């Protein structure tokens, strides 16, 4: 889904992560698929990326007030 088509702010943030954070911080591998996932637990949204090359995990968290 293109950025302009995302209706919700949290989807737009995930889209942004998928476009801008494609390189693994641990091994430097680039993932063009942008496989960030999101999960929520009430007031917190956690975005998670698992490197397909070395399986390192990168996370971003947003806290909703």
C-alpha atoms as a PDB file:
ATOM      1  CA  UNK A   1       0.000   0.000   0.000  1.00  0.00           C
ATOM      2  CA  UNK A   2       1.430   3.372  -0.977  1.00  0.00           C
ATOM      3  CA  UNK A   3       1.887   6.046   1.624  1.00  0.00           C
ATOM      4  CA  UNK A   4      -0.809   8.269   0.168  1.00  0.00           C
ATOM      5  CA  UNK A   5      -3.310   5.386   0.294  1.00  0.00           C
ATOM      6  CA  UNK A   6      -2.820   4.620   4.015  1.00  0.00           C
ATOM      7  CA  UNK A   7      -5.761   5.874   5.989  1.00  0.00           C
ATOM      8  CA  UNK A   8      -4.425   5.470   9.498  1.00  0.00           C
ATOM      9  CA  UNK A   9      -1.408   7.195  11.092  1.00  0.00           C
ATOM     10  CA  UNK A  10      -0.010   3.901  12.416  1.00  0.00           C
ATOM     11  CA  UNK A  11      -0.122   2.373   8.931  1.00  0.00           C
ATOM     12  CA  UNK A  12       1.623   5.433   7.524  1.00  0.00           C
ATOM     13  CA  UNK A  13       4.378   5.052  10.144  1.00  0.00           C
ATOM     14  CA  UNK A  14       4.868   1.377   9.229  1.00  0.00           C
ATOM     15  CA  UNK A  15       4.970   2.350   5.546  1.00  0.00           C
ATOM     16  CA  UNK A  16       7.656   4.918   6.368  1.00  0.00           C
ATOM     17  CA  UNK A  17       9.715   2.328   8.261  1.00  0.00           C
ATOM     18  CA  UNK A  18       9.439  -0.049   5.320  1.00  0.00           C
ATOM     19  CA  UNK A  19      10.729   2.640   2.944  1.00  0.00           C
ATOM     20  CA  UNK A  20      13.475   4.151   5.092  1.00  0.00           C
ATOM     21  CA  UNK A  21      14.799   1.340   7.329  1.00  0.00           C
ATOM     22  CA  UNK A  22      15.614  -1.481   4.944  1.00  0.00           C
ATOM     23  CA  UNK A  23      19.201  -2.146   6.031  1.00  0.00           C
ATOM     24  CA  UNK A  24      20.025  -4.390   9.003  1.00  0.00           C
ATOM     25  CA  UNK A  25      21.988  -2.563  11.688  1.00  0.00           C
ATOM     26  CA  UNK A  26      23.785  -5.768  12.694  1.00  0.00           C
ATOM     27  CA  UNK A  27      25.010  -7.247   9.410  1.00  0.00           C
ATOM     28  CA  UNK A  28      24.242  -4.522   6.857  1.00  0.00           C
ATOM     29  CA  UNK A  29      22.027  -6.732   4.683  1.00  0.00           C
ATOM     30  CA  UNK A  30      19.361  -4.874   2.750  1.00  0.00           C
ATOM     31  CA  UNK A  31      15.770  -6.137   2.783  1.00  0.00           C
ATOM     32  CA  UNK A  32      13.854  -4.618  -0.110  1.00  0.00           C
ATOM     33  CA  UNK A  33      10.614  -6.295   1.005  1.00  0.00           C
ATOM     34  CA  UNK A  34      10.461  -4.088   4.105  1.00  0.00           C
ATOM     35  CA  UNK A  35       9.014  -6.705   6.396  1.00  0.00           C
ATOM     36  CA  UNK A  36       8.140  -4.616   9.467  1.00  0.00           C
ATOM     37  CA  UNK A  37       5.324  -6.037  11.591  1.00  0.00           C
ATOM     38  CA  UNK A  38       3.244  -4.241  14.198  1.00  0.00           C
ATOM     39  CA  UNK A  39       1.577  -5.336  17.412  1.00  0.00           C
ATOM     40  CA  UNK A  40      -0.257  -3.329  20.003  1.00  0.00           C
ATOM     41  CA  UNK A  41      -1.040  -3.663  23.678  1.00  0.00           C
ATOM     42  CA  UNK A  42      -3.362  -0.808  24.461  1.00  0.00           C
ATOM     43  CA  UNK A  43      -1.305   2.367  24.615  1.00  0.00           C
ATOM     44  CA  UNK A  44       1.857   0.969  23.041  1.00  0.00           C
ATOM     45  CA  UNK A  45       2.524  -0.009  19.423  1.00  0.00           C
ATOM     46  CA  UNK A  46       5.672  -2.014  18.745  1.00  0.00           C
ATOM     47  CA  UNK A  47       7.067  -2.268  15.222  1.00  0.00           C
ATOM     48  CA  UNK A  48       9.471  -5.151  14.681  1.00  0.00           C
ATOM     49  CA  UNK A  49      11.872  -6.075  11.903  1.00  0.00           C
ATOM     50  CA  UNK A  50      13.696  -9.415  11.741  1.00  0.00           C
ATOM     51  CA  UNK A  51      16.645  -9.472   9.358  1.00  0.00           C
ATOM     52  CA  UNK A  52      16.200 -12.272   6.808  1.00  0.00           C
ATOM     53  CA  UNK A  53      19.978 -12.717   6.653  1.00  0.00           C
ATOM     54  CA  UNK A  54      21.176 -12.825  10.283  1.00  0.00           C
ATOM     55  CA  UNK A  55      17.848 -12.800  12.186  1.00  0.00           C
ATOM     56  CA  UNK A  56      18.788  -9.705  14.218  1.00  0.00           C
ATOM     57  CA  UNK A  57      15.726  -7.894  15.583  1.00  0.00           C
ATOM     58  CA  UNK A  58      15.137  -4.147  15.343  1.00  0.00           C
ATOM     59  CA  UNK A  59      12.197  -2.541  17.129  1.00  0.00           C
ATOM     60  CA  UNK A  60      10.501   0.829  17.350  1.00  0.00           C
ATOM     61  CA  UNK A  61       7.870   1.656  19.951  1.00  0.00           C
ATOM     62  CA  UNK A  62       5.237   4.358  19.974  1.00  0.00           C
ATOM     63  CA  UNK A  63       3.334   5.258  23.103  1.00  0.00           C
ATOM     64  CA  UNK A  64      -0.152   6.626  22.580  1.00  0.00           C
ATOM     65  CA  UNK A  65      -1.532   9.040  25.126  1.00  0.00           C
END
